[in-house]
Amino acid sequence: MEATVAERGQITLPKAVRDALGLTKGTTLKVELDGGRIILRKDVGDALSRMRGRIKLPPGTSSDDVMRELRGRAPGDPYPPPDEA
């Protein structure tokens, strides 16, 4: 895929890229330089901050428990606690 830089430095991202990442008008992209490459990243920080506090967990369940359920056990994870092993 290609994009051409316009006179004012603007580019149009190909529709397939916009659709794949859910980019719509007003979406913020982070711009990074890596040697001779330009890296664009969708800024998800704002979306995450808007969701903070909106999901209620069952009593006795921590966010760490939910993350373990989704991702599995991480190296060095002290789970299960020694008294439950």
N, C-alpha and C. Protein backbone atom coordinates (compact mmCIF):
# COMPACT_ATOMS: atom_id res chain seq x y z
N MET A 1 0.85 -1.18 0.00
CA MET A 1 0.00 0.00 0.00
C MET A 1 0.89 1.24 0.00
N GLU A 2 0.39 2.29 -0.56
CA GLU A 2 1.13 3.54 -0.63
C GLU A 2 0.24 4.70 -0.23
N ALA A 3 0.88 5.77 0.22
CA ALA A 3 0.21 7.04 0.49
C ALA A 3 1.13 8.14 0.00
N THR A 4 0.58 9.17 -0.59
CA THR A 4 1.37 10.28 -1.12
C THR A 4 1.24 11.48 -0.20
N VAL A 5 2.36 12.14 0.04
CA VAL A 5 2.35 13.35 0.87
C VAL A 5 1.87 14.51 0.02
N ALA A 6 0.84 15.21 0.49
CA ALA A 6 0.28 16.35 -0.22
C ALA A 6 1.09 17.62 0.09
N GLU A 7 0.71 18.69 -0.55
CA GLU A 7 1.44 19.96 -0.44
C GLU A 7 1.62 20.43 1.01
N ARG A 8 0.62 20.27 1.82
CA ARG A 8 0.69 20.73 3.22
C ARG A 8 1.17 19.65 4.17
N GLY A 9 1.75 18.56 3.66
CA GLY A 9 2.29 17.50 4.51
C GLY A 9 1.27 16.46 4.93
N GLN A 10 0.07 16.53 4.40
CA GLN A 10 -0.98 15.58 4.75
C GLN A 10 -0.87 14.32 3.90
N ILE A 11 -1.31 13.20 4.49
CA ILE A 11 -1.42 11.95 3.75
C ILE A 11 -2.81 11.38 3.98
N THR A 12 -3.25 10.56 3.04
CA THR A 12 -4.50 9.83 3.21
C THR A 12 -4.15 8.37 3.41
N LEU A 13 -4.57 7.82 4.53
CA LEU A 13 -4.32 6.40 4.79
C LEU A 13 -5.26 5.56 3.94
N PRO A 14 -4.76 4.47 3.37
CA PRO A 14 -5.64 3.60 2.58
C PRO A 14 -6.86 3.13 3.38
N LYS A 15 -7.99 3.01 2.71
CA LYS A 15 -9.24 2.62 3.37
C LYS A 15 -9.08 1.30 4.12
N ALA A 16 -8.34 0.35 3.57
CA ALA A 16 -8.16 -0.95 4.23
C ALA A 16 -7.49 -0.77 5.59
N VAL A 17 -6.54 0.15 5.69
CA VAL A 17 -5.86 0.43 6.96
C VAL A 17 -6.82 1.09 7.94
N ARG A 18 -7.55 2.09 7.46
CA ARG A 18 -8.51 2.79 8.34
C ARG A 18 -9.56 1.82 8.87
N ASP A 19 -10.07 0.96 8.00
CA ASP A 19 -11.10 0.00 8.41
C ASP A 19 -10.53 -1.02 9.40
N ALA A 20 -9.33 -1.53 9.13
CA ALA A 20 -8.74 -2.55 9.99
C ALA A 20 -8.49 -2.02 11.41
N LEU A 21 -8.15 -0.74 11.52
CA LEU A 21 -7.86 -0.16 12.84
C LEU A 21 -9.02 0.62 13.44
N GLY A 22 -10.13 0.71 12.72
CA GLY A 22 -11.28 1.46 13.22
C GLY A 22 -11.00 2.95 13.31
N LEU A 23 -10.22 3.48 12.37
CA LEU A 23 -9.90 4.90 12.38
C LEU A 23 -11.03 5.69 11.74
N THR A 24 -11.51 6.69 12.45
CA THR A 24 -12.56 7.55 11.93
C THR A 24 -12.10 9.00 12.08
N LYS A 25 -12.87 9.92 11.53
CA LYS A 25 -12.54 11.34 11.62
C LYS A 25 -12.33 11.72 13.08
N GLY A 26 -11.20 12.35 13.37
CA GLY A 26 -10.91 12.80 14.73
C GLY A 26 -10.09 11.82 15.56
N THR A 27 -9.86 10.61 15.05
CA THR A 27 -9.03 9.64 15.77
C THR A 27 -7.62 10.19 15.91
N THR A 28 -7.05 10.13 17.10
CA THR A 28 -5.70 10.60 17.33
C THR A 28 -4.71 9.48 17.08
N LEU A 29 -3.65 9.80 16.33
CA LEU A 29 -2.58 8.84 16.06
C LEU A 29 -1.30 9.36 16.71
N LYS A 30 -0.54 8.48 17.31
CA LYS A 30 0.78 8.81 17.84
C LYS A 30 1.77 8.64 16.70
N VAL A 31 2.70 9.58 16.53
CA VAL A 31 3.69 9.54 15.47
C VAL A 31 5.06 9.34 16.10
N GLU A 32 5.78 8.32 15.64
CA GLU A 32 7.12 8.04 16.15
C GLU A 32 8.07 7.91 14.98
N LEU A 33 9.33 8.31 15.20
CA LEU A 33 10.38 8.10 14.21
C LEU A 33 11.28 6.98 14.70
N ASP A 34 11.59 6.06 13.80
CA ASP A 34 12.49 4.94 14.12
C ASP A 34 13.49 4.83 12.97
N GLY A 35 14.61 5.54 13.12
CA GLY A 35 15.56 5.59 12.02
C GLY A 35 14.91 6.26 10.84
N GLY A 36 14.83 5.57 9.71
CA GLY A 36 14.20 6.13 8.52
C GLY A 36 12.74 5.77 8.38
N ARG A 37 12.11 5.24 9.44
CA ARG A 37 10.70 4.83 9.37
C ARG A 37 9.83 5.77 10.18
N ILE A 38 8.60 5.95 9.73
CA ILE A 38 7.57 6.67 10.48
C ILE A 38 6.60 5.62 10.99
N ILE A 39 6.34 5.63 12.28
CA ILE A 39 5.42 4.67 12.88
C ILE A 39 4.20 5.44 13.39
N LEU A 40 3.03 5.03 12.94
CA LEU A 40 1.77 5.61 13.42
C LEU A 40 1.09 4.59 14.31
N ARG A 41 0.68 5.03 15.50
CA ARG A 41 -0.03 4.15 16.43
C ARG A 41 -1.34 4.81 16.84
N LYS A 42 -2.38 4.01 16.86
CA LYS A 42 -3.68 4.49 17.32
C LYS A 42 -3.56 4.80 18.81
N ASP A 43 -4.01 5.98 19.22
CA ASP A 43 -3.95 6.37 20.62
C ASP A 43 -5.15 5.78 21.35
N VAL A 44 -4.90 4.72 22.13
CA VAL A 44 -6.00 4.07 22.85
C VAL A 44 -6.11 4.56 24.29
N GLY A 45 -5.17 5.39 24.72
CA GLY A 45 -5.17 5.88 26.10
C GLY A 45 -6.45 6.60 26.46
N ASP A 46 -6.94 7.44 25.58
CA ASP A 46 -8.15 8.20 25.85
C ASP A 46 -9.35 7.28 25.96
N ALA A 47 -9.43 6.29 25.08
CA ALA A 47 -10.55 5.33 25.13
C ALA A 47 -10.52 4.54 26.43
N LEU A 48 -9.31 4.15 26.86
CA LEU A 48 -9.19 3.41 28.12
C LEU A 48 -9.59 4.26 29.31
N SER A 49 -9.17 5.53 29.30
CA SER A 49 -9.51 6.38 30.44
C SER A 49 -11.02 6.63 30.52
N ARG A 50 -11.70 6.68 29.37
CA ARG A 50 -13.16 6.85 29.39
C ARG A 50 -13.86 5.62 29.95
N MET A 51 -13.26 4.44 29.82
CA MET A 51 -13.87 3.21 30.31
C MET A 51 -13.59 2.94 31.78
N ARG A 52 -12.57 3.61 32.33
CA ARG A 52 -12.15 3.37 33.70
C ARG A 52 -13.32 3.52 34.67
N GLY A 53 -13.52 2.51 35.49
CA GLY A 53 -14.56 2.56 36.51
C GLY A 53 -15.93 2.13 36.03
N ARG A 54 -16.09 1.76 34.78
CA ARG A 54 -17.42 1.41 34.26
C ARG A 54 -17.71 -0.08 34.32
N ILE A 55 -16.70 -0.89 34.53
CA ILE A 55 -16.90 -2.35 34.57
C ILE A 55 -16.87 -2.80 36.02
N LYS A 56 -17.93 -3.44 36.45
CA LYS A 56 -18.03 -3.92 37.82
C LYS A 56 -17.62 -5.39 37.88
N LEU A 57 -16.71 -5.69 38.79
CA LEU A 57 -16.24 -7.06 38.97
C LEU A 57 -17.05 -7.73 40.07
N PRO A 58 -17.20 -9.06 39.98
CA PRO A 58 -17.90 -9.77 41.05
C PRO A 58 -17.15 -9.57 42.38
N PRO A 59 -17.88 -9.60 43.49
CA PRO A 59 -17.23 -9.46 44.80
C PRO A 59 -16.11 -10.48 44.97
N GLY A 60 -14.97 -10.03 45.49
CA GLY A 60 -13.84 -10.91 45.74
C GLY A 60 -12.97 -11.15 44.52
N THR A 61 -13.29 -10.53 43.38
CA THR A 61 -12.50 -10.69 42.16
C THR A 61 -11.71 -9.41 41.92
N SER A 62 -10.41 -9.56 41.67
CA SER A 62 -9.58 -8.38 41.41
C SER A 62 -9.32 -8.27 39.90
N SER A 63 -8.85 -7.11 39.49
CA SER A 63 -8.50 -6.93 38.08
C SER A 63 -7.35 -7.87 37.70
N ASP A 64 -6.45 -8.18 38.65
CA ASP A 64 -5.39 -9.14 38.38
C ASP A 64 -5.97 -10.52 38.07
N ASP A 65 -7.02 -10.92 38.79
CA ASP A 65 -7.68 -12.20 38.52
C ASP A 65 -8.24 -12.23 37.08
N VAL A 66 -8.86 -11.13 36.68
CA VAL A 66 -9.43 -11.05 35.34
C VAL A 66 -8.32 -11.12 34.29
N MET A 67 -7.22 -10.42 34.51
CA MET A 67 -6.12 -10.43 33.55
C MET A 67 -5.51 -11.83 33.44
N ARG A 68 -5.38 -12.54 34.58
CA ARG A 68 -4.88 -13.92 34.54
C ARG A 68 -5.81 -14.80 33.71
N GLU A 69 -7.10 -14.59 33.88
CA GLU A 69 -8.10 -15.37 33.14
C GLU A 69 -7.96 -15.12 31.63
N LEU A 70 -7.72 -13.86 31.26
CA LEU A 70 -7.61 -13.50 29.85
C LEU A 70 -6.27 -13.89 29.24
N ARG A 71 -5.18 -13.64 29.97
CA ARG A 71 -3.85 -13.80 29.41
C ARG A 71 -3.10 -15.03 29.86
N GLY A 72 -3.57 -15.64 30.92
CA GLY A 72 -2.81 -16.76 31.49
C GLY A 72 -1.80 -16.24 32.51
N ARG A 73 -1.08 -17.16 33.09
CA ARG A 73 -0.13 -16.81 34.14
C ARG A 73 1.13 -16.21 33.52
N ALA A 74 1.60 -15.09 34.08
CA ALA A 74 2.81 -14.43 33.60
C ALA A 74 4.03 -15.00 34.31
N PRO A 75 5.20 -14.99 33.65
CA PRO A 75 6.42 -15.44 34.34
C PRO A 75 6.64 -14.62 35.61
N GLY A 76 6.96 -15.28 36.69
CA GLY A 76 7.18 -14.59 37.96
C GLY A 76 5.91 -14.27 38.71
N ASP A 77 4.77 -14.64 38.17
CA ASP A 77 3.49 -14.37 38.82
C ASP A 77 3.39 -15.24 40.08
N PRO A 78 3.17 -14.63 41.24
CA PRO A 78 3.10 -15.43 42.48
C PRO A 78 1.77 -16.15 42.67
N TYR A 79 1.04 -16.36 41.57
CA TYR A 79 -0.27 -16.97 41.66
C TYR A 79 -0.16 -18.45 41.35
N PRO A 80 -0.78 -19.36 42.04
CA PRO A 80 -1.61 -19.07 43.22
C PRO A 80 -0.74 -18.70 44.42
N PRO A 81 -1.32 -17.92 45.32
CA PRO A 81 -0.55 -17.55 46.52
C PRO A 81 -0.04 -18.81 47.23
N PRO A 82 1.10 -18.71 47.90
CA PRO A 82 1.71 -19.90 48.55
C PRO A 82 0.77 -20.66 49.48
N ASP A 83 -0.15 -19.95 50.16
CA ASP A 83 -1.05 -20.64 51.09
C ASP A 83 -2.13 -21.43 50.37
N GLU A 84 -2.34 -21.21 49.05
CA GLU A 84 -3.35 -21.95 48.30
C GLU A 84 -2.74 -23.03 47.42
N ALA A 85 -1.42 -23.05 47.29
CA ALA A 85 -0.76 -24.00 46.39
C ALA A 85 -0.80 -25.43 46.92
